[in-house]
PDB file of N, CA and C in Angstrom:
ATOM      1  N   MET A   1       0.846  -1.164   0.000  1.00  0.00           N
ATOM      2  CA  MET A   1       0.000   0.000   0.000  1.00  0.00           C
ATOM      3  C   MET A   1       0.897   1.233   0.000  1.00  0.00           C
ATOM      4  N   ALA A   2       0.563   2.190  -0.766  1.00  0.00           N
ATOM      5  CA  ALA A   2       1.378   3.396  -0.893  1.00  0.00           C
ATOM      6  C   ALA A   2       0.961   4.409   0.163  1.00  0.00           C
ATOM      7  N   GLY A   3       1.726   4.499   1.245  1.00  0.00           N
ATOM      8  CA  GLY A   3       1.408   5.458   2.290  1.00  0.00           C
ATOM      9  C   GLY A   3       0.016   5.228   2.845  1.00  0.00           C
ATOM     10  N   ASN A   4      -0.701   6.280   3.121  1.00  0.00           N
ATOM     11  CA  ASN A   4      -2.065   6.166   3.614  1.00  0.00           C
ATOM     12  C   ASN A   4      -3.066   6.666   2.592  1.00  0.00           C
ATOM     13  N   THR A   5      -2.711   6.622   1.325  1.00  0.00           N
ATOM     14  CA  THR A   5      -3.576   7.158   0.279  1.00  0.00           C
ATOM     15  C   THR A   5      -4.707   6.211  -0.084  1.00  0.00           C
ATOM     16  N   GLY A   6      -4.623   4.959   0.353  1.00  0.00           N
ATOM     17  CA  GLY A   6      -5.641   3.992  -0.014  1.00  0.00           C
ATOM     18  C   GLY A   6      -5.416   3.396  -1.385  1.00  0.00           C
ATOM     19  N   GLU A   7      -4.305   3.714  -2.020  1.00  0.00           N
ATOM     20  CA  GLU A   7      -4.002   3.160  -3.328  1.00  0.00           C
ATOM     21  C   GLU A   7      -3.200   1.879  -3.165  1.00  0.00           C
ATOM     22  N   ILE A   8      -3.385   0.982  -4.088  1.00  0.00           N
ATOM     23  CA  ILE A   8      -2.670  -0.282  -4.062  1.00  0.00           C
ATOM     24  C   ILE A   8      -1.649  -0.293  -5.181  1.00  0.00           C
ATOM     25  N   GLN A   9      -0.436  -0.652  -4.830  1.00  0.00           N
ATOM     26  CA  GLN A   9       0.599  -0.793  -5.847  1.00  0.00           C
ATOM     27  C   GLN A   9       0.710  -2.271  -6.195  1.00  0.00           C
ATOM     28  N   VAL A  10       0.749  -2.570  -7.469  1.00  0.00           N
ATOM     29  CA  VAL A  10       0.886  -3.945  -7.926  1.00  0.00           C
ATOM     30  C   VAL A  10       2.282  -4.105  -8.492  1.00  0.00           C
ATOM     31  N   ARG A  11       2.951  -5.149  -8.064  1.00  0.00           N
ATOM     32  CA  ARG A  11       4.270  -5.394  -8.634  1.00  0.00           C
ATOM     33  C   ARG A  11       4.278  -6.782  -9.259  1.00  0.00           C
ATOM     34  N   MET A  12       4.863  -6.851 -10.414  1.00  0.00           N
ATOM     35  CA  MET A  12       4.957  -8.115 -11.128  1.00  0.00           C
ATOM     36  C   MET A  12       6.184  -8.867 -10.629  1.00  0.00           C
ATOM     37  N   VAL A  13       5.992 -10.126 -10.303  1.00  0.00           N
ATOM     38  CA  VAL A  13       7.077 -10.945  -9.785  1.00  0.00           C
ATOM     39  C   VAL A  13       7.298 -12.090 -10.763  1.00  0.00           C
ATOM     40  N   TRP A  14       8.493 -12.148 -11.303  1.00  0.00           N
ATOM     41  CA  TRP A  14       8.832 -13.175 -12.284  1.00  0.00           C
ATOM     42  C   TRP A  14       9.800 -14.192 -11.710  1.00  0.00           C
ATOM     43  N   ARG A  15       9.755 -14.340 -10.400  1.00  0.00           N
ATOM     44  CA  ARG A  15      10.627 -15.299  -9.723  1.00  0.00           C
ATOM     45  C   ARG A  15       9.855 -15.858  -8.536  1.00  0.00           C
ATOM     46  N   PRO A  16      10.292 -16.985  -8.014  1.00  0.00           N
ATOM     47  CA  PRO A  16       9.635 -17.479  -6.800  1.00  0.00           C
ATOM     48  C   PRO A  16       9.774 -16.440  -5.683  1.00  0.00           C
ATOM     49  N   ILE A  17       8.739 -16.314  -4.890  1.00  0.00           N
ATOM     50  CA  ILE A  17       8.805 -15.347  -3.797  1.00  0.00           C
ATOM     51  C   ILE A  17       8.959 -16.084  -2.474  1.00  0.00           C
ATOM     52  N   THR A  18       9.496 -15.384  -1.517  1.00  0.00           N
ATOM     53  CA  THR A  18       9.702 -15.977  -0.201  1.00  0.00           C
ATOM     54  C   THR A  18       8.413 -15.904   0.609  1.00  0.00           C
ATOM     55  N   GLU A  19       8.379 -16.651   1.683  1.00  0.00           N
ATOM     56  CA  GLU A  19       7.202 -16.638   2.555  1.00  0.00           C
ATOM     57  C   GLU A  19       6.962 -15.241   3.118  1.00  0.00           C
ATOM     58  N   ARG A  20       8.024 -14.561   3.484  1.00  0.00           N
ATOM     59  CA  ARG A  20       7.895 -13.200   4.024  1.00  0.00           C
ATOM     60  C   ARG A  20       7.307 -12.249   2.978  1.00  0.00           C
ATOM     61  N   GLU A  21       7.764 -12.372   1.744  1.00  0.00           N
ATOM     62  CA  GLU A  21       7.226 -11.531   0.664  1.00  0.00           C
ATOM     63  C   GLU A  21       5.740 -11.820   0.442  1.00  0.00           C
ATOM     64  N   LEU A  22       5.377 -13.083   0.510  1.00  0.00           N
ATOM     65  CA  LEU A  22       3.986 -13.459   0.334  1.00  0.00           C
ATOM     66  C   LEU A  22       3.121 -12.857   1.440  1.00  0.00           C
ATOM     67  N   GLU A  23       3.593 -12.926   2.678  1.00  0.00           N
ATOM     68  CA  GLU A  23       2.844 -12.351   3.795  1.00  0.00           C
ATOM     69  C   GLU A  23       2.657 -10.852   3.602  1.00  0.00           C
ATOM     70  N   GLU A  24       3.686 -10.193   3.087  1.00  0.00           N
ATOM     71  CA  GLU A  24       3.594  -8.755   2.839  1.00  0.00           C
ATOM     72  C   GLU A  24       2.583  -8.458   1.740  1.00  0.00           C
ATOM     73  N   ILE A  25       2.617  -9.245   0.691  1.00  0.00           N
ATOM     74  CA  ILE A  25       1.732  -9.028  -0.451  1.00  0.00           C
ATOM     75  C   ILE A  25       0.280  -9.282  -0.063  1.00  0.00           C
ATOM     76  N   LEU A  26       0.045 -10.337   0.687  1.00  0.00           N
ATOM     77  CA  LEU A  26      -1.323 -10.727   1.018  1.00  0.00           C
ATOM     78  C   LEU A  26      -1.687 -10.391   2.462  1.00  0.00           C
ATOM     79  N   SER A  27      -1.211  -9.268   2.952  1.00  0.00           N
ATOM     80  CA  SER A  27      -1.525  -8.870   4.322  1.00  0.00           C
ATOM     81  C   SER A  27      -3.014  -8.575   4.448  1.00  0.00           C
ATOM     82  N   ASP A  28      -3.509  -8.635   5.671  1.00  0.00           N
ATOM     83  CA  ASP A  28      -4.928  -8.343   5.910  1.00  0.00           C
ATOM     84  C   ASP A  28      -5.288  -6.936   5.445  1.00  0.00           C
ATOM     85  N   GLU A  29      -4.356  -6.014   5.631  1.00  0.00           N
ATOM     86  CA  GLU A  29      -4.602  -4.631   5.213  1.00  0.00           C
ATOM     87  C   GLU A  29      -4.787  -4.542   3.704  1.00  0.00           C
ATOM     88  N   LEU A  30      -3.954  -5.252   2.972  1.00  0.00           N
ATOM     89  CA  LEU A  30      -4.053  -5.236   1.514  1.00  0.00           C
ATOM     90  C   LEU A  30      -5.321  -5.946   1.048  1.00  0.00           C
ATOM     91  N   VAL A  31      -5.660  -7.042   1.703  1.00  0.00           N
ATOM     92  CA  VAL A  31      -6.891  -7.764   1.366  1.00  0.00           C
ATOM     93  C   VAL A  31      -8.098  -6.848   1.560  1.00  0.00           C
ATOM     94  N   GLU A  32      -8.126  -6.131   2.673  1.00  0.00           N
ATOM     95  CA  GLU A  32      -9.242  -5.217   2.945  1.00  0.00           C
ATOM     96  C   GLU A  32      -9.287  -4.092   1.911  1.00  0.00           C
ATOM     97  N   ALA A  33      -8.125  -3.562   1.550  1.00  0.00           N
ATOM     98  CA  ALA A  33      -8.070  -2.494   0.547  1.00  0.00           C
ATOM     99  C   ALA A  33      -8.558  -2.987  -0.814  1.00  0.00           C
ATOM    100  N   ALA A  34      -8.170  -4.190  -1.185  1.00  0.00           N
ATOM    101  CA  ALA A  34      -8.604  -4.748  -2.472  1.00  0.00           C
ATOM    102  C   ALA A  34     -10.110  -4.998  -2.475  1.00  0.00           C
ATOM    103  N   ALA A  35     -10.620  -5.514  -1.371  1.00  0.00           N
ATOM    104  CA  ALA A  35     -12.062  -5.761  -1.279  1.00  0.00           C
ATOM    105  C   ALA A  35     -12.838  -4.447  -1.348  1.00  0.00           C
ATOM    106  N   SER A  36     -12.335  -3.433  -0.672  1.00  0.00           N
ATOM    107  CA  SER A  36     -12.992  -2.121  -0.714  1.00  0.00           C
ATOM    108  C   SER A  36     -12.969  -1.544  -2.119  1.00  0.00           C
ATOM    109  N   SER A  37     -11.822  -1.647  -2.766  1.00  0.00           N
ATOM    110  CA  SER A  37     -11.689  -1.130  -4.121  1.00  0.00           C
ATOM    111  C   SER A  37     -12.643  -1.844  -5.073  1.00  0.00           C
ATOM    112  N   ALA A  38     -12.716  -3.162  -4.945  1.00  0.00           N
ATOM    113  CA  ALA A  38     -13.583  -3.935  -5.834  1.00  0.00           C
ATOM    114  C   ALA A  38     -15.040  -3.549  -5.652  1.00  0.00           C
ATOM    115  N   SER A  39     -15.446  -3.344  -4.421  1.00  0.00           N
ATOM    116  CA  SER A  39     -16.857  -3.065  -4.189  1.00  0.00           C
ATOM    117  C   SER A  39     -17.230  -1.603  -4.410  1.00  0.00           C
ATOM    118  N   GLU A  40     -16.294  -0.693  -4.252  1.00  0.00           N
ATOM    119  CA  GLU A  40     -16.607   0.731  -4.382  1.00  0.00           C
ATOM    120  C   GLU A  40     -16.284   1.305  -5.758  1.00  0.00           C
ATOM    121  N   LYS A  41     -15.167   0.880  -6.337  1.00  0.00           N
ATOM    122  CA  LYS A  41     -14.691   1.520  -7.564  1.00  0.00           C
ATOM    123  C   LYS A  41     -14.889   0.672  -8.818  1.00  0.00           C
ATOM    124  N   GLU A  42     -14.868  -0.639  -8.672  1.00  0.00           N
ATOM    125  CA  GLU A  42     -14.828  -1.503  -9.845  1.00  0.00           C
ATOM    126  C   GLU A  42     -16.193  -2.009 -10.287  1.00  0.00           C
ATOM    127  N   MET A  43     -17.215  -1.734  -9.509  1.00  0.00           N
ATOM    128  CA  MET A  43     -18.532  -2.207  -9.925  1.00  0.00           C
ATOM    129  C   MET A  43     -19.565  -1.107  -9.756  1.00  0.00           C
ATOM    130  N   ASN A  44     -20.555  -1.173 -10.597  1.00  0.00           N
ATOM    131  CA  ASN A  44     -21.625  -0.188 -10.567  1.00  0.00           C
ATOM    132  C   ASN A  44     -22.962  -0.939 -10.603  1.00  0.00           C
ATOM    133  N   PRO A  45     -23.357  -1.490  -9.449  1.00  0.00           N
ATOM    134  CA  PRO A  45     -24.577  -2.296  -9.450  1.00  0.00           C
ATOM    135  C   PRO A  45     -25.819  -1.440  -9.685  1.00  0.00           C
ATOM    136  N   PHE A  46     -26.809  -2.014 -10.289  1.00  0.00           N
ATOM    137  CA  PHE A  46     -28.040  -1.294 -10.579  1.00  0.00           C
ATOM    138  C   PHE A  46     -29.187  -1.740  -9.683  1.00  0.00           C
ATOM    139  N   GLY A  47     -28.939  -2.779  -8.870  1.00  0.00           N
ATOM    140  CA  GLY A  47     -30.005  -3.288  -8.020  1.00  0.00           C
ATOM    141  C   GLY A  47     -31.001  -4.087  -8.837  1.00  0.00           C
ATOM    142  N   ASN A  48     -31.893  -4.753  -8.140  1.00  0.00           N
ATOM    143  CA  ASN A  48     -32.951  -5.501  -8.804  1.00  0.00           C
ATOM    144  C   ASN A  48     -34.086  -5.706  -7.803  1.00  0.00           C
ATOM    145  N   ILE A  49     -35.023  -6.551  -8.135  1.00  0.00           N
ATOM    146  CA  ILE A  49     -36.155  -6.731  -7.228  1.00  0.00           C
ATOM    147  C   ILE A  49     -35.764  -7.456  -5.944  1.00  0.00           C
ATOM    148  N   HIS A  50     -34.577  -8.077  -5.930  1.00  0.00           N
ATOM    149  CA  HIS A  50     -34.144  -8.853  -4.767  1.00  0.00           C
ATOM    150  C   HIS A  50     -33.251  -8.059  -3.813  1.00  0.00           C
ATOM    151  N   THR A  51     -32.406  -7.188  -4.358  1.00  0.00           N
ATOM    152  CA  THR A  51     -31.454  -6.459  -3.503  1.00  0.00           C
ATOM    153  C   THR A  51     -31.224  -5.053  -4.022  1.00  0.00           C
ATOM    154  N   SER A  52     -30.772  -4.220  -3.101  1.00  0.00           N
ATOM    155  CA  SER A  52     -30.440  -2.836  -3.455  1.00  0.00           C
ATOM    156  C   SER A  52     -29.006  -2.761  -3.976  1.00  0.00           C
ATOM    157  N   PRO A  53     -28.647  -1.697  -4.663  1.00  0.00           N
ATOM    158  CA  PRO A  53     -27.257  -1.526  -5.097  1.00  0.00           C
ATOM    159  C   PRO A  53     -26.287  -1.507  -3.910  1.00  0.00           C
ATOM    160  N   GLU A  54     -26.703  -0.918  -2.792  1.00  0.00           N
ATOM    161  CA  GLU A  54     -25.825  -0.861  -1.616  1.00  0.00           C
ATOM    162  C   GLU A  54     -25.527  -2.265  -1.089  1.00  0.00           C
ATOM    163  N   PHE A  55     -26.554  -3.125  -1.061  1.00  0.00           N
ATOM    164  CA  PHE A  55     -26.324  -4.484  -0.599  1.00  0.00           C
ATOM    165  C   PHE A  55     -25.445  -5.252  -1.571  1.00  0.00           C
ATOM    166  N   GLN A  56     -25.611  -5.029  -2.859  1.00  0.00           N
ATOM    167  CA  GLN A  56     -24.770  -5.697  -3.852  1.00  0.00           C
ATOM    168  C   GLN A  56     -23.309  -5.286  -3.669  1.00  0.00           C
ATOM    169  N   LYS A  57     -23.058  -4.013  -3.386  1.00  0.00           N
ATOM    170  CA  LYS A  57     -21.684  -3.559  -3.124  1.00  0.00           C
ATOM    171  C   LYS A  57     -21.139  -4.212  -1.857  1.00  0.00           C
ATOM    172  N   HIS A  58     -21.980  -4.277  -0.821  1.00  0.00           N
ATOM    173  CA  HIS A  58     -21.565  -4.914   0.425  1.00  0.00           C
ATOM    174  C   HIS A  58     -21.218  -6.384   0.180  1.00  0.00           C
ATOM    175  N   LEU A  59     -22.056  -7.063  -0.566  1.00  0.00           N
ATOM    176  CA  LEU A  59     -21.819  -8.472  -0.872  1.00  0.00           C
ATOM    177  C   LEU A  59     -20.529  -8.654  -1.671  1.00  0.00           C
ATOM    178  N   ALA A  60     -20.288  -7.782  -2.632  1.00  0.00           N
ATOM    179  CA  ALA A  60     -19.036  -7.850  -3.401  1.00  0.00           C
ATOM    180  C   ALA A  60     -17.837  -7.684  -2.484  1.00  0.00           C
ATOM    181  N   HIS A  61     -17.931  -6.763  -1.541  1.00  0.00           N
ATOM    182  CA  HIS A  61     -16.838  -6.531  -0.582  1.00  0.00           C
ATOM    183  C   HIS A  61     -16.586  -7.789   0.246  1.00  0.00           C
ATOM    184  N   VAL A  62     -17.637  -8.352   0.807  1.00  0.00           N
ATOM    185  CA  VAL A  62     -17.511  -9.531   1.666  1.00  0.00           C
ATOM    186  C   VAL A  62     -16.955 -10.722   0.889  1.00  0.00           C
ATOM    187  N   LEU A  63     -17.487 -10.975  -0.298  1.00  0.00           N
ATOM    188  CA  LEU A  63     -17.047 -12.132  -1.078  1.00  0.00           C
ATOM    189  C   LEU A  63     -15.626 -11.970  -1.607  1.00  0.00           C
ATOM    190  N   THR A  64     -15.243 -10.752  -1.984  1.00  0.00           N
ATOM    191  CA  THR A  64     -13.863 -10.511  -2.434  1.00  0.00           C
ATOM    192  C   THR A  64     -12.894 -10.739  -1.282  1.00  0.00           C
ATOM    193  N   ARG A  65     -13.228 -10.201  -0.120  1.00  0.00           N
ATOM    194  CA  ARG A  65     -12.366 -10.387   1.063  1.00  0.00           C
ATOM    195  C   ARG A  65     -12.237 -11.873   1.397  1.00  0.00           C
ATOM    196  N   LYS A  66     -13.346 -12.592   1.352  1.00  0.00           N
ATOM    197  CA  LYS A  66     -13.323 -14.023   1.660  1.00  0.00           C
ATOM    198  C   LYS A  66     -12.457 -14.791   0.663  1.00  0.00           C
ATOM    199  N   ALA A  67     -12.599 -14.485  -0.626  1.00  0.00           N
ATOM    200  CA  ALA A  67     -11.816 -15.177  -1.654  1.00  0.00           C
ATOM    201  C   ALA A  67     -10.322 -14.896  -1.500  1.00  0.00           C
ATOM    202  N   LEU A  68      -9.970 -13.645  -1.211  1.00  0.00           N
ATOM    203  CA  LEU A  68      -8.556 -13.309  -1.054  1.00  0.00           C
ATOM    204  C   LEU A  68      -7.962 -13.943   0.201  1.00  0.00           C
ATOM    205  N   LYS A  69      -8.724 -14.000   1.271  1.00  0.00           N
ATOM    206  CA  LYS A  69      -8.232 -14.657   2.489  1.00  0.00           C
ATOM    207  C   LYS A  69      -8.052 -16.146   2.251  1.00  0.00           C
ATOM    208  N   GLN A  70      -8.968 -16.744   1.518  1.00  0.00           N
ATOM    209  CA  GLN A  70      -8.853 -18.164   1.203  1.00  0.00           C
ATOM    210  C   GLN A  70      -7.621 -18.423   0.331  1.00  0.00           C
ATOM    211  N   ALA A  71      -7.377 -17.551  -0.643  1.00  0.00           N
ATOM    212  CA  ALA A  71      -6.188 -17.686  -1.485  1.00  0.00           C
ATOM    213  C   ALA A  71      -4.923 -17.544  -0.645  1.00  0.00           C
ATOM    214  N   ASN A  72      -4.947 -16.634   0.310  1.00  0.00           N
ATOM    215  CA  ASN A  72      -3.813 -16.433   1.196  1.00  0.00           C
ATOM    216  C   ASN A  72      -3.545 -17.699   2.017  1.00  0.00           C
ATOM    217  N   GLN A  73      -4.590 -18.294   2.567  1.00  0.00           N
ATOM    218  CA  GLN A  73      -4.429 -19.516   3.356  1.00  0.00           C
ATOM    219  C   GLN A  73      -3.879 -20.656   2.507  1.00  0.00           C
ATOM    220  N   ARG A  74      -4.352 -20.779   1.287  1.00  0.00           N
ATOM    221  CA  ARG A  74      -3.850 -21.829   0.402  1.00  0.00           C
ATOM    222  C   ARG A  74      -2.376 -21.596   0.061  1.00  0.00           C
ATOM    223  N   ALA A  75      -2.035 -20.336  -0.174  1.00  0.00           N
ATOM    224  CA  ALA A  75      -0.646 -20.019  -0.508  1.00  0.00           C
ATOM    225  C   ALA A  75       0.263 -20.278   0.686  1.00  0.00           C
ATOM    226  N   GLU A  76      -0.206 -20.002   1.898  1.00  0.00           N
ATOM    227  CA  GLU A  76       0.603 -20.260   3.088  1.00  0.00           C
ATOM    228  C   GLU A  76       0.920 -21.750   3.201  1.00  0.00           C
ATOM    229  N   GLY A  77      -0.020 -22.582   2.781  1.00  0.00           N
ATOM    230  CA  GLY A  77       0.187 -24.021   2.821  1.00  0.00           C
ATOM    231  C   GLY A  77       1.307 -24.493   1.909  1.00  0.00           C
ATOM    232  N   LEU A  78       1.640 -23.713   0.897  1.00  0.00           N
ATOM    233  CA  LEU A  78       2.725 -24.074  -0.021  1.00  0.00           C
ATOM    234  C   LEU A  78       4.085 -24.013   0.650  1.00  0.00           C
ATOM    235  N   PHE A  79       4.194 -23.215   1.716  1.00  0.00           N
ATOM    236  CA  PHE A  79       5.476 -23.038   2.375  1.00  0.00           C
ATOM    237  C   PHE A  79       5.661 -23.949   3.573  1.00  0.00           C
ATOM    238  N   GLN A  80       4.685 -24.792   3.860  1.00  0.00           N
ATOM    239  CA  GLN A  80       4.802 -25.664   5.036  1.00  0.00           C
ATOM    240  C   GLN A  80       5.119 -27.080   4.649  1.00  0.00           C
TER     241      GLN A  80
END
């Protein structure tokens, strides 16, 4: 994360990364920032008869965070 601006920096890695690097890349703070970005900036829900746009954004946030945490847990298993 770049300072406290809320922006995420992406770096391309063309080599195996260490466990410490992985923890830094997939930190809880970064996961939360990515989930927030996905739900606030990357989607424009229109709502429907079942849910409001606000709930759709909330759901996107929750599901993105869950998927990234699950990916993090799976990746941690590679180093054990």
